[in-house]
N, C-alpha and C. Protein backbone atom coordinates (compact mmCIF):
# COMPACT_ATOMS: atom_id res chain seq x y z
N UNK A 1 21.07 28.52 47.90
CA UNK A 1 19.84 28.24 47.17
C UNK A 1 20.67 29.36 45.83
N UNK A 2 20.46 28.58 44.76
CA UNK A 2 20.97 28.87 43.59
C UNK A 2 20.21 30.47 42.88
N UNK A 3 21.38 31.38 42.41
CA UNK A 3 20.35 32.05 41.91
C UNK A 3 20.67 33.13 40.71
N UNK A 4 20.01 33.89 39.70
CA UNK A 4 20.31 33.67 38.33
C UNK A 4 18.66 34.55 38.54
N UNK A 5 18.86 34.89 36.99
CA UNK A 5 17.86 35.56 36.20
C UNK A 5 16.57 34.81 36.33
N UNK A 6 15.04 35.45 36.73
CA UNK A 6 13.86 34.89 36.85
C UNK A 6 13.71 34.16 35.50
N UNK A 7 13.25 32.76 35.77
CA UNK A 7 12.73 31.66 34.78
C UNK A 7 11.32 31.98 34.52
N UNK A 8 11.18 32.62 33.14
CA UNK A 8 10.17 32.27 32.34
C UNK A 8 9.09 31.59 32.65
N UNK A 9 7.83 31.63 32.57
CA UNK A 9 7.31 30.23 33.40
C UNK A 9 6.33 30.38 30.94
N UNK A 10 5.92 29.04 31.21
CA UNK A 10 4.99 28.82 30.15
C UNK A 10 3.84 30.07 29.74
N UNK A 11 3.43 30.68 30.42
CA UNK A 11 2.70 31.53 29.82
C UNK A 11 2.90 33.23 29.76
N UNK A 12 4.34 32.98 29.95
CA UNK A 12 5.21 34.15 29.34
C UNK A 12 5.01 34.51 27.86
N UNK A 13 5.21 35.66 27.45
CA UNK A 13 4.93 36.03 26.14
C UNK A 13 5.88 35.87 25.34
N UNK A 14 6.01 36.01 23.65
CA UNK A 14 7.06 34.94 22.85
C UNK A 14 8.41 36.45 23.49
N UNK A 15 8.20 37.57 24.10
CA UNK A 15 9.46 38.19 24.48
C UNK A 15 10.55 37.52 25.03
N UNK A 16 9.64 36.92 25.96
CA UNK A 16 10.17 36.34 27.34
C UNK A 16 10.48 35.40 26.69
N UNK A 17 10.87 34.37 25.87
CA UNK A 17 10.96 33.21 25.18
C UNK A 17 12.29 33.47 24.46
N UNK A 18 12.00 34.36 24.21
CA UNK A 18 13.54 35.15 23.09
C UNK A 18 14.90 35.08 24.43
N UNK A 19 14.36 35.54 25.36
CA UNK A 19 15.33 35.38 26.42
C UNK A 19 16.45 34.46 26.54
N UNK A 20 15.32 32.83 25.97
CA UNK A 20 16.43 31.78 26.42
C UNK A 20 17.79 31.73 25.43
N UNK A 21 17.69 32.34 24.06
CA UNK A 21 18.80 32.31 23.25
C UNK A 21 19.64 33.28 24.05
N UNK A 22 19.98 33.84 25.49
CA UNK A 22 21.04 34.43 25.81
C UNK A 22 21.72 33.21 26.49
N UNK A 23 22.51 32.69 25.94
CA UNK A 23 23.27 31.19 26.44
C UNK A 23 23.51 31.15 27.82
N UNK A 24 23.62 32.39 28.40
CA UNK A 24 24.24 32.94 29.92
C UNK A 24 22.41 32.11 31.06
N UNK A 25 21.52 32.97 30.25
CA UNK A 25 20.35 32.55 30.99
C UNK A 25 20.10 30.61 30.84
N UNK A 26 20.08 30.14 29.33
CA UNK A 26 20.14 28.95 29.16
C UNK A 26 20.97 28.52 30.34
N UNK A 27 22.46 28.50 30.50
CA UNK A 27 22.66 27.76 30.87
C UNK A 27 22.45 27.77 32.43
N UNK A 28 22.23 28.70 32.74
CA UNK A 28 21.04 28.70 34.18
C UNK A 28 19.98 27.92 34.58
N UNK A 29 18.81 28.20 33.66
CA UNK A 29 17.88 27.36 33.47
C UNK A 29 18.74 26.08 33.93
N UNK A 30 19.69 25.52 33.67
CA UNK A 30 19.62 24.11 32.85
C UNK A 30 19.85 23.73 34.77
N UNK A 31 21.15 24.55 35.20
CA UNK A 31 21.40 24.56 36.14
C UNK A 31 20.47 24.24 37.67
N UNK A 32 19.87 25.39 37.17
CA UNK A 32 18.08 25.39 38.13
C UNK A 32 17.25 23.66 37.98
N UNK A 33 17.49 23.14 36.51
CA UNK A 33 17.10 22.56 36.06
C UNK A 33 17.11 21.06 36.80
N UNK A 34 18.62 20.68 36.47
CA UNK A 34 19.74 20.03 37.41
C UNK A 34 19.62 20.03 39.12
N UNK A 35 18.98 20.67 39.48
CA UNK A 35 19.01 20.71 41.42
C UNK A 35 17.00 20.62 41.41
N UNK A 36 16.72 20.66 40.41
CA UNK A 36 15.43 20.15 40.43
C UNK A 36 13.89 20.98 40.73
N UNK A 37 14.66 22.30 39.82
CA UNK A 37 13.50 23.37 40.22
C UNK A 37 12.83 23.13 39.03
N UNK A 38 11.37 22.83 38.79
CA UNK A 38 10.15 22.44 38.58
C UNK A 38 9.72 23.52 37.14
N UNK A 39 10.08 25.12 37.54
CA UNK A 39 9.51 25.95 36.71
C UNK A 39 11.08 25.90 35.90
N UNK A 40 12.39 25.71 35.91
CA UNK A 40 13.17 25.47 35.02
C UNK A 40 12.88 24.57 34.45
N UNK A 41 12.38 23.34 34.32
CA UNK A 41 12.19 22.17 33.97
C UNK A 41 11.29 22.53 33.11
N UNK A 42 10.04 23.07 33.35
CA UNK A 42 9.02 23.51 33.15
C UNK A 42 9.41 24.34 31.62
N UNK A 43 10.41 25.33 31.78
CA UNK A 43 10.41 26.05 30.75
C UNK A 43 11.40 25.13 29.66
N UNK A 44 12.10 25.00 30.28
CA UNK A 44 12.89 23.91 29.36
C UNK A 44 12.11 22.83 28.08
N UNK A 45 11.27 22.56 29.04
CA UNK A 45 10.03 21.61 28.41
C UNK A 45 9.51 22.67 27.48
N UNK A 46 8.58 24.03 27.32
CA UNK A 46 8.09 24.34 26.62
C UNK A 46 9.33 24.99 25.43
N UNK A 47 10.25 25.74 25.78
CA UNK A 47 11.01 26.09 24.66
C UNK A 47 11.54 25.05 23.68
N UNK A 48 11.88 23.86 24.28
CA UNK A 48 12.77 23.21 23.19
C UNK A 48 11.14 22.09 22.44
N UNK A 49 10.40 22.07 22.92
CA UNK A 49 9.38 20.73 22.40
C UNK A 49 9.05 20.98 20.98
N UNK A 50 8.89 22.07 20.80
CA UNK A 50 8.87 22.43 19.02
C UNK A 50 9.97 21.94 18.01
N UNK A 51 11.04 21.95 18.96
CA UNK A 51 12.27 21.27 18.16
C UNK A 51 12.47 20.09 17.72
N UNK A 52 12.27 19.16 20.01
CA UNK A 52 11.68 17.77 19.25
C UNK A 52 10.89 17.28 18.42
N UNK A 53 10.15 18.13 18.45
CA UNK A 53 8.50 17.18 17.85
C UNK A 53 9.05 17.61 16.63
N UNK A 54 9.33 18.35 16.15
CA UNK A 54 9.87 18.38 14.99
C UNK A 54 10.82 17.71 13.97
N UNK A 55 12.10 17.19 15.01
CA UNK A 55 12.62 16.54 14.28
C UNK A 55 12.18 14.83 14.32
N UNK A 56 11.09 14.00 15.57
CA UNK A 56 10.60 13.61 15.46
C UNK A 56 9.72 13.14 14.31
N UNK A 57 9.18 14.71 14.21
CA UNK A 57 8.16 14.11 12.97
C UNK A 57 9.03 13.91 11.79
N UNK A 58 10.21 14.23 11.43
CA UNK A 58 10.96 14.16 10.12
C UNK A 58 11.32 12.04 10.81
N UNK A 59 11.40 11.46 11.42
CA UNK A 59 11.28 10.45 11.20
C UNK A 59 10.31 9.72 11.59
N UNK A 60 9.06 9.69 12.29
CA UNK A 60 8.27 9.38 12.22
C UNK A 60 6.57 10.16 11.74
N UNK A 61 6.48 9.99 10.46
CA UNK A 61 5.13 10.18 10.14
C UNK A 61 3.87 10.31 10.88
N UNK A 62 3.62 9.31 11.32
CA UNK A 62 2.20 8.88 12.52
C UNK A 62 2.74 10.01 13.48
N UNK A 63 1.87 11.17 13.12
CA UNK A 63 1.52 12.18 14.17
C UNK A 63 1.21 11.80 15.41
N UNK A 64 0.53 10.76 15.89
CA UNK A 64 0.23 10.41 17.37
C UNK A 64 1.44 9.49 17.86
N UNK A 65 2.17 8.73 16.92
CA UNK A 65 3.33 8.17 17.31
C UNK A 65 4.82 8.97 17.89
N UNK A 66 4.52 10.36 16.75
CA UNK A 66 5.56 10.93 17.16
C UNK A 66 5.45 12.20 18.66
N UNK A 67 3.96 12.20 18.82
CA UNK A 67 3.56 13.02 20.24
C UNK A 67 4.05 11.92 21.31
N UNK A 68 3.77 11.47 21.07
CA UNK A 68 4.43 9.85 22.51
C UNK A 68 5.92 9.86 22.54
N UNK A 69 6.36 9.90 20.92
CA UNK A 69 7.67 9.83 21.54
C UNK A 69 8.40 11.00 21.90
N UNK A 70 7.18 12.22 21.93
CA UNK A 70 8.32 13.81 22.01
C UNK A 70 8.38 14.04 23.96
N UNK A 71 7.19 13.01 23.90
CA UNK A 71 6.61 13.39 25.49
C UNK A 71 7.86 12.38 26.32
N UNK A 72 8.35 11.08 25.43
CA UNK A 72 8.94 10.20 26.10
C UNK A 72 10.23 10.58 26.58
N UNK A 73 10.48 11.40 25.21
CA UNK A 73 12.29 12.28 25.26
C UNK A 73 12.16 13.06 26.45
N UNK A 74 11.57 13.86 26.29
CA UNK A 74 10.96 15.02 27.98
C UNK A 74 11.15 14.39 29.48
N UNK A 75 10.58 13.18 29.49
CA UNK A 75 10.42 12.35 30.61
C UNK A 75 11.97 11.90 30.76
N UNK A 76 12.58 11.35 29.84
CA UNK A 76 14.35 10.82 30.04
C UNK A 76 14.90 12.53 30.17
N UNK A 77 14.63 13.23 29.68
CA UNK A 77 15.10 14.30 29.98
C UNK A 77 15.64 14.65 31.54
N UNK A 78 14.17 14.42 31.82
CA UNK A 78 14.30 14.83 33.79
C UNK A 78 15.07 13.84 34.13
N UNK A 79 15.24 12.62 33.67
CA UNK A 79 15.65 11.49 34.57
C UNK A 79 17.52 11.54 34.66
N UNK A 80 17.63 12.20 33.51
CA UNK A 80 18.87 12.22 33.27
C UNK A 80 19.71 13.36 33.13
N UNK A 81 18.67 14.55 33.03
CA UNK A 81 19.37 16.47 33.21
C UNK A 81 20.47 16.34 34.29
N UNK A 82 20.75 15.72 35.39
CA UNK A 82 22.42 15.78 36.04
C UNK A 82 23.08 15.08 35.67
N UNK A 83 23.23 14.21 34.51
CA UNK A 83 23.90 14.24 33.75
C UNK A 83 24.76 14.45 32.84
N UNK A 84 23.54 15.77 32.42
CA UNK A 84 24.57 16.60 31.31
C UNK A 84 25.63 17.41 31.70
N UNK A 85 26.43 17.61 30.96
CA UNK A 85 27.66 18.83 31.03
C UNK A 85 27.38 19.34 29.73
N UNK A 86 27.49 20.52 29.99
CA UNK A 86 27.42 21.44 28.95
C UNK A 86 28.58 21.71 28.34
N UNK A 87 29.70 21.21 28.73
CA UNK A 87 31.07 21.64 28.13
C UNK A 87 31.20 20.60 26.76
N UNK A 88 30.62 19.61 26.73
CA UNK A 88 30.65 18.47 25.67
C UNK A 88 29.68 18.33 24.96
N UNK A 89 28.61 19.49 25.29
CA UNK A 89 27.81 18.91 23.81
C UNK A 89 26.60 20.40 23.91
N UNK A 90 26.38 20.89 23.24
CA UNK A 90 25.26 21.96 23.12
C UNK A 90 23.74 21.43 23.77
N UNK A 91 23.24 22.02 24.54
CA UNK A 91 22.19 21.23 24.94
C UNK A 91 21.20 20.73 24.40
N UNK A 92 20.77 21.50 23.19
CA UNK A 92 19.55 21.13 22.10
C UNK A 92 20.22 19.89 21.52
N UNK A 93 22.13 19.52 21.10
CA UNK A 93 22.45 18.47 20.56
C UNK A 93 22.20 17.49 21.55
N UNK A 94 21.86 17.93 22.47
CA UNK A 94 22.32 16.71 23.53
C UNK A 94 20.68 16.33 23.57
N UNK A 95 20.12 16.86 23.76
CA UNK A 95 18.37 16.96 23.73
C UNK A 95 17.76 15.65 22.44
N UNK A 96 18.79 15.94 21.22
CA UNK A 96 18.05 15.74 19.92
C UNK A 96 18.44 14.22 19.48
N UNK A 97 19.51 14.25 20.53
CA UNK A 97 20.09 12.71 20.83
C UNK A 97 19.46 11.06 21.45
N UNK A 98 19.09 12.18 22.60
CA UNK A 98 17.98 11.63 23.63
C UNK A 98 17.02 10.76 22.53
N UNK A 99 16.51 11.85 21.56
CA UNK A 99 15.21 12.33 20.69
C UNK A 99 15.34 10.64 19.67
N UNK A 100 17.15 10.75 19.05
CA UNK A 100 17.76 9.83 18.26
C UNK A 100 17.27 8.55 18.70
N UNK A 101 17.78 8.62 19.90
CA UNK A 101 17.91 6.92 20.36
C UNK A 101 16.50 6.51 21.05
N UNK A 102 15.23 7.32 21.48
CA UNK A 102 14.16 6.92 21.32
C UNK A 102 13.44 7.10 20.52
N UNK A 103 13.58 7.38 19.31
CA UNK A 103 13.09 6.86 18.08
C UNK A 103 13.75 5.89 17.30
N UNK A 104 14.77 4.82 17.62
CA UNK A 104 15.50 3.75 17.39
C UNK A 104 14.55 2.72 18.27
N UNK A 105 14.86 3.29 19.55
CA UNK A 105 14.19 2.30 20.26
C UNK A 105 12.44 1.82 20.22
N UNK A 106 11.93 2.80 19.64
CA UNK A 106 10.72 2.54 19.27
C UNK A 106 10.47 1.86 17.76
N UNK A 107 11.51 2.02 17.01
CA UNK A 107 11.16 1.05 16.11
C UNK A 107 11.29 -0.28 15.94
N UNK A 108 12.34 -0.32 17.08
CA UNK A 108 13.09 -1.73 16.99
C UNK A 108 12.06 -2.39 17.98
N UNK A 109 11.18 -2.08 18.41
CA UNK A 109 9.99 -2.87 19.48
C UNK A 109 8.54 -2.44 18.96
N UNK A 110 8.50 -1.09 18.10
CA UNK A 110 7.33 -1.62 17.41
C UNK A 110 7.12 -1.66 15.61
N UNK A 111 8.10 -2.00 15.58
CA UNK A 111 8.11 -1.81 14.15
C UNK A 111 8.02 -3.63 13.26
N UNK A 112 7.70 -4.43 12.43
CA UNK A 112 8.17 -5.36 12.34
C UNK A 112 9.29 -5.59 11.34
N UNK A 113 9.94 -7.07 11.75
CA UNK A 113 10.48 -7.03 10.78
C UNK A 113 10.16 -7.47 9.54
N UNK A 114 10.22 -7.18 8.20
CA UNK A 114 9.99 -7.79 7.03
C UNK A 114 10.20 -9.24 6.53
N UNK A 115 10.30 -10.13 7.53
CA UNK A 115 9.95 -11.75 6.84
C UNK A 115 10.00 -11.81 5.70
N UNK A 116 9.26 -11.11 5.00
CA UNK A 116 8.65 -12.38 3.86
C UNK A 116 10.20 -12.10 2.96
N UNK A 117 11.05 -10.99 3.31
CA UNK A 117 12.35 -11.16 2.70
C UNK A 117 13.51 -11.98 2.85
N UNK A 118 13.25 -12.59 3.70
CA UNK A 118 14.22 -13.82 4.36
C UNK A 118 13.54 -15.28 4.32
N UNK A 119 12.43 -14.97 4.16
CA UNK A 119 12.01 -17.02 4.12
C UNK A 119 11.36 -17.02 2.20
N UNK A 120 11.66 -18.25 2.03
CA UNK A 120 10.90 -18.38 0.97
C UNK A 120 8.98 -18.47 0.11
N UNK A 121 8.60 -18.69 -0.40
CA UNK A 121 7.14 -18.81 -0.59
C UNK A 121 6.64 -20.41 -0.24
N UNK A 122 5.78 -20.31 0.30
CA UNK A 122 5.33 -21.89 0.89
C UNK A 122 5.79 -22.05 1.78
N UNK A 123 6.23 -21.43 2.67
CA UNK A 123 7.00 -22.28 4.07
C UNK A 123 5.74 -22.55 4.62
N UNK A 124 5.62 -22.99 6.41
CA UNK A 124 4.65 -22.93 6.51
C UNK A 124 4.69 -21.68 7.90
N UNK A 125 3.50 -22.15 8.82
CA UNK A 125 3.47 -20.68 10.09
C UNK A 125 4.76 -21.04 10.73
N UNK A 126 5.43 -22.22 11.71
CA UNK A 126 6.01 -22.52 11.95
C UNK A 126 7.64 -21.87 11.37
N UNK A 127 7.84 -22.42 10.31
CA UNK A 127 9.37 -22.09 9.17
C UNK A 127 9.14 -20.30 9.20
N UNK A 128 8.14 -19.81 9.09
CA UNK A 128 8.04 -18.36 9.25
C UNK A 128 8.50 -17.97 10.06
N UNK A 129 8.03 -18.21 11.36
CA UNK A 129 8.43 -17.57 12.61
C UNK A 129 9.76 -18.04 13.26
N UNK A 130 10.23 -18.95 12.78
CA UNK A 130 11.73 -19.66 12.94
C UNK A 130 12.41 -17.96 11.97
N UNK A 131 12.54 -18.02 11.86
CA UNK A 131 13.11 -17.25 10.35
C UNK A 131 12.94 -15.54 11.09
N UNK A 132 11.66 -15.38 11.42
CA UNK A 132 11.42 -13.87 11.79
C UNK A 132 12.09 -13.64 13.20
N UNK A 133 12.52 -15.06 13.80
CA UNK A 133 12.93 -15.12 15.21
C UNK A 133 14.95 -14.67 14.55
N UNK A 134 15.36 -15.75 13.56
CA UNK A 134 16.23 -15.82 13.49
C UNK A 134 16.62 -14.06 13.20
N UNK A 135 16.20 -13.54 12.10
CA UNK A 135 16.57 -12.22 11.20
C UNK A 135 16.38 -11.25 12.81
N UNK A 136 15.63 -11.22 13.45
CA UNK A 136 15.30 -10.41 14.89
C UNK A 136 16.79 -10.85 15.62
N UNK A 137 16.92 -11.52 15.71
CA UNK A 137 18.56 -12.37 16.43
C UNK A 137 19.88 -11.75 15.72
N UNK A 138 19.61 -12.07 14.16
CA UNK A 138 20.94 -11.54 13.72
C UNK A 138 20.60 -9.89 13.67
N UNK A 139 19.89 -9.09 13.82
CA UNK A 139 20.00 -7.81 13.74
C UNK A 139 20.58 -7.35 15.26
N UNK A 140 19.35 -7.96 16.43
CA UNK A 140 20.14 -7.37 17.69
C UNK A 140 21.45 -7.43 17.98
N UNK A 141 22.24 -8.64 16.94
CA UNK A 141 23.89 -8.93 17.11
C UNK A 141 24.79 -8.23 16.58
N UNK A 142 24.34 -7.40 16.04
CA UNK A 142 25.04 -6.26 14.89
C UNK A 142 25.94 -5.46 15.74
N UNK A 143 26.79 -5.02 15.95
CA UNK A 143 27.49 -3.80 16.51
C UNK A 143 27.13 -2.74 16.61
N UNK A 144 26.43 -2.09 17.53
CA UNK A 144 25.63 -0.70 16.81
C UNK A 144 25.51 0.04 15.88
N UNK A 145 26.53 0.07 15.87
CA UNK A 145 26.38 1.42 14.69
C UNK A 145 25.51 1.31 13.57
N UNK A 146 26.88 -0.58 13.52
CA UNK A 146 25.72 -1.34 11.69
C UNK A 146 24.49 -1.50 12.36
N UNK A 147 23.77 -1.44 13.25
CA UNK A 147 22.72 -1.98 13.53
C UNK A 147 21.67 -1.05 13.65
N UNK A 148 21.92 -0.01 13.98
CA UNK A 148 21.34 1.36 13.86
C UNK A 148 21.29 1.56 12.31
N UNK A 149 22.09 1.52 11.29
CA UNK A 149 22.30 1.82 10.15
C UNK A 149 21.09 1.41 8.97
N UNK A 150 21.19 -0.12 9.72
CA UNK A 150 20.47 -1.05 9.29
C UNK A 150 18.92 -0.68 9.04
N UNK A 151 19.07 -0.56 10.64
CA UNK A 151 17.68 0.00 11.15
C UNK A 151 17.12 0.77 10.33
N UNK A 152 17.87 1.74 10.32
CA UNK A 152 17.65 3.24 9.42
C UNK A 152 17.01 2.62 8.55
N UNK A 153 18.04 2.48 7.09
CA UNK A 153 18.33 2.04 6.14
C UNK A 153 16.97 1.09 5.77
N UNK A 154 16.55 -0.15 6.31
CA UNK A 154 15.95 -1.01 5.80
C UNK A 154 14.70 -0.88 6.40
N UNK A 155 14.23 -0.66 7.75
CA UNK A 155 13.12 -0.61 8.48
C UNK A 155 12.34 0.72 8.43
N UNK A 156 13.23 1.83 8.46
CA UNK A 156 12.62 3.06 8.80
C UNK A 156 12.72 4.01 7.14
N UNK A 157 13.67 2.95 6.30
CA UNK A 157 13.64 3.63 4.57
C UNK A 157 14.24 5.27 4.34
N UNK A 158 15.39 5.11 5.13
CA UNK A 158 15.92 6.80 4.91
C UNK A 158 16.80 6.42 4.29
N UNK A 159 17.41 7.59 3.68
CA UNK A 159 18.33 7.74 2.56
C UNK A 159 19.64 7.74 3.19
N UNK A 160 20.51 7.41 2.52
CA UNK A 160 22.32 7.65 2.69
C UNK A 160 22.14 9.02 3.58
N UNK A 161 21.89 9.63 2.76
CA UNK A 161 22.27 11.25 3.47
C UNK A 161 21.55 11.52 4.46
N UNK A 162 20.58 11.24 4.51
CA UNK A 162 19.35 11.12 5.74
C UNK A 162 19.98 10.54 7.01
N UNK A 163 20.63 9.67 6.79
CA UNK A 163 21.32 8.30 7.94
C UNK A 163 22.22 9.14 8.71
N UNK A 164 23.37 9.50 7.41
CA UNK A 164 24.45 10.40 7.87
C UNK A 164 24.10 12.00 8.63
N UNK A 165 23.42 12.33 8.57
CA UNK A 165 22.76 13.36 9.10
C UNK A 165 22.44 13.19 10.36
N UNK A 166 21.49 12.32 10.71
CA UNK A 166 20.73 11.85 11.57
C UNK A 166 21.71 11.22 12.71
N UNK A 167 22.56 10.68 12.64
CA UNK A 167 24.16 10.29 13.34
C UNK A 167 25.47 11.18 13.45
N UNK A 168 25.06 11.90 12.37
CA UNK A 168 26.40 13.01 12.42
C UNK A 168 27.93 12.40 12.10
N UNK A 169 27.31 11.46 11.14
CA UNK A 169 28.60 10.89 9.92
C UNK A 169 28.31 10.86 8.89
N UNK A 170 29.92 10.62 8.04
CA UNK A 170 30.49 11.14 6.59
C UNK A 170 29.11 10.35 5.71
N UNK A 171 28.63 10.09 4.63
CA UNK A 171 27.97 9.42 3.93
C UNK A 171 28.53 8.19 3.52
N UNK A 172 29.89 8.37 3.47
CA UNK A 172 31.11 7.26 3.19
C UNK A 172 31.03 6.54 4.48
N UNK A 173 31.28 6.37 5.23
CA UNK A 173 31.27 6.19 6.37
C UNK A 173 29.85 5.26 6.97
N UNK A 174 28.42 6.11 6.42
CA UNK A 174 27.29 5.49 6.30
C UNK A 174 27.52 3.93 5.46
N UNK A 175 27.99 4.26 4.50
CA UNK A 175 27.93 3.26 3.36
C UNK A 175 29.10 2.43 3.56
N UNK A 176 29.78 2.46 4.35
CA UNK A 176 30.56 1.47 5.01
C UNK A 176 30.15 0.43 5.78
N UNK A 177 29.60 1.20 7.17
CA UNK A 177 28.69 0.80 8.06
C UNK A 177 27.33 -0.20 7.34
N UNK A 178 27.04 0.49 6.59
CA UNK A 178 25.68 -0.70 6.15
C UNK A 178 26.38 -2.20 5.15
N UNK A 179 27.45 -1.62 4.26
CA UNK A 179 28.04 -2.82 3.81
C UNK A 179 28.71 -4.32 5.26
N UNK A 180 29.16 -3.42 5.73
CA UNK A 180 29.86 -4.87 6.89
C UNK A 180 28.57 -5.45 7.20
N UNK A 181 27.45 -3.98 7.76
CA UNK A 181 26.18 -5.08 8.38
C UNK A 181 25.84 -5.67 7.44
N UNK A 182 25.53 -5.21 6.73
CA UNK A 182 24.92 -6.98 5.88
C UNK A 182 25.31 -7.83 5.65
N UNK A 183 26.72 -7.86 5.09
CA UNK A 183 27.58 -8.66 5.30
C UNK A 183 27.63 -9.49 6.50
N UNK A 184 27.70 -8.87 7.57
CA UNK A 184 27.48 -9.75 9.49
C UNK A 184 25.97 -10.14 9.50
N UNK A 185 25.15 -9.74 9.21
CA UNK A 185 23.74 -10.10 8.82
C UNK A 185 23.43 -11.36 7.85
N UNK A 186 24.02 -11.08 6.91
CA UNK A 186 24.41 -12.27 6.04
C UNK A 186 24.51 -13.67 6.66
N UNK A 187 25.99 -13.52 7.41
CA UNK A 187 26.71 -14.82 7.86
C UNK A 187 25.76 -15.29 8.90
N UNK A 188 25.35 -13.83 9.64
CA UNK A 188 24.04 -14.71 10.62
C UNK A 188 23.44 -15.85 10.52
N UNK A 189 22.56 -15.33 9.34
CA UNK A 189 21.47 -16.09 8.57
C UNK A 189 21.62 -16.99 8.38
N UNK A 190 23.72 -17.39 7.30
CA UNK A 190 23.55 -18.35 7.28
C UNK A 190 23.84 -19.61 8.22
N UNK A 191 24.37 -18.63 9.09
CA UNK A 191 24.96 -19.95 10.61
C UNK A 191 24.04 -20.59 11.21
N UNK A 192 22.49 -19.90 11.28
CA UNK A 192 20.97 -19.96 11.68
C UNK A 192 20.26 -20.73 10.73
N UNK A 193 20.68 -20.83 9.23
CA UNK A 193 19.93 -21.52 8.15
C UNK A 193 18.85 -20.75 8.00
N UNK A 194 18.95 -19.27 7.62
CA UNK A 194 17.53 -18.49 7.58
C UNK A 194 18.43 -17.69 6.37
N UNK A 195 18.85 -18.48 5.32
CA UNK A 195 19.34 -17.15 4.31
C UNK A 195 18.40 -16.55 3.16
N UNK A 196 19.03 -15.32 3.41
CA UNK A 196 17.50 -13.95 2.87
C UNK A 196 17.25 -14.61 1.50
N UNK A 197 16.30 -15.36 0.90
CA UNK A 197 16.11 -15.28 -0.43
C UNK A 197 16.52 -14.41 -1.40
N UNK A 198 16.48 -13.00 -1.15
CA UNK A 198 16.24 -11.72 -1.62
C UNK A 198 17.33 -10.73 -0.69
N UNK A 199 17.53 -9.94 -1.27
CA UNK A 199 18.25 -9.31 -0.79
C UNK A 199 17.59 -7.85 -0.09
N UNK A 200 17.98 -7.77 0.97
CA UNK A 200 17.34 -6.65 2.13
C UNK A 200 17.09 -5.44 0.99
N UNK A 201 15.70 -4.99 0.95
CA UNK A 201 15.74 -4.05 0.28
C UNK A 201 15.25 -2.97 1.25
N UNK A 202 15.59 -1.39 1.15
CA UNK A 202 14.97 -0.66 1.88
C UNK A 202 13.66 -0.09 2.35
N UNK A 203 12.95 -0.19 3.37
CA UNK A 203 11.82 -0.15 3.23
C UNK A 203 11.44 1.36 3.04
N UNK A 204 9.92 1.40 2.30
CA UNK A 204 9.42 2.68 1.92
C UNK A 204 8.73 3.28 3.03
N UNK A 205 9.77 4.37 3.27
CA UNK A 205 9.19 5.74 4.61
C UNK A 205 8.01 5.78 4.70
N UNK A 206 6.97 5.99 5.58
CA UNK A 206 5.62 6.74 5.75
C UNK A 206 5.15 6.71 6.65
């Protein structure tokens, strides 16, 4: 049976929450959560929800969508916490990585591709659908890092420095990934006969 400091519950006052600042207590709490201790999981949820919500809200302007994503992040945390290794990355960094990936998945599945940027005026509905499918396929075919940058830049409308901060890379790396992603996207669309009539422009974050 696991031993260690008592796990504070969600009803404890603010002084109890400050205990989590102690890395030993947090580490033991995580170990208990990994063993399936529901009180430990509850405490991690209460302790880190504000951080995750704040991070997601910096990316998602709609508060309802942000709340849904925040809840999804913690469901994923529960499902994958057994694989967390504290020697590799701090817990909050690991949790925010889940939040980042969940947010990216949300945008890929819920945000429509700006099809008007790759089709000519006057094309019929069938032509528009063909171009839309071609663009989605071209984005999906990009290498992972290029795809993330293209989505964040053109669909989410983040700036280069925001993307660099989110992905933990230098701004020069983001510029390079963005440039290569656009070239690869252009090539894929050329092959599919869906050459953009205008350059992709970053979306306006809203």
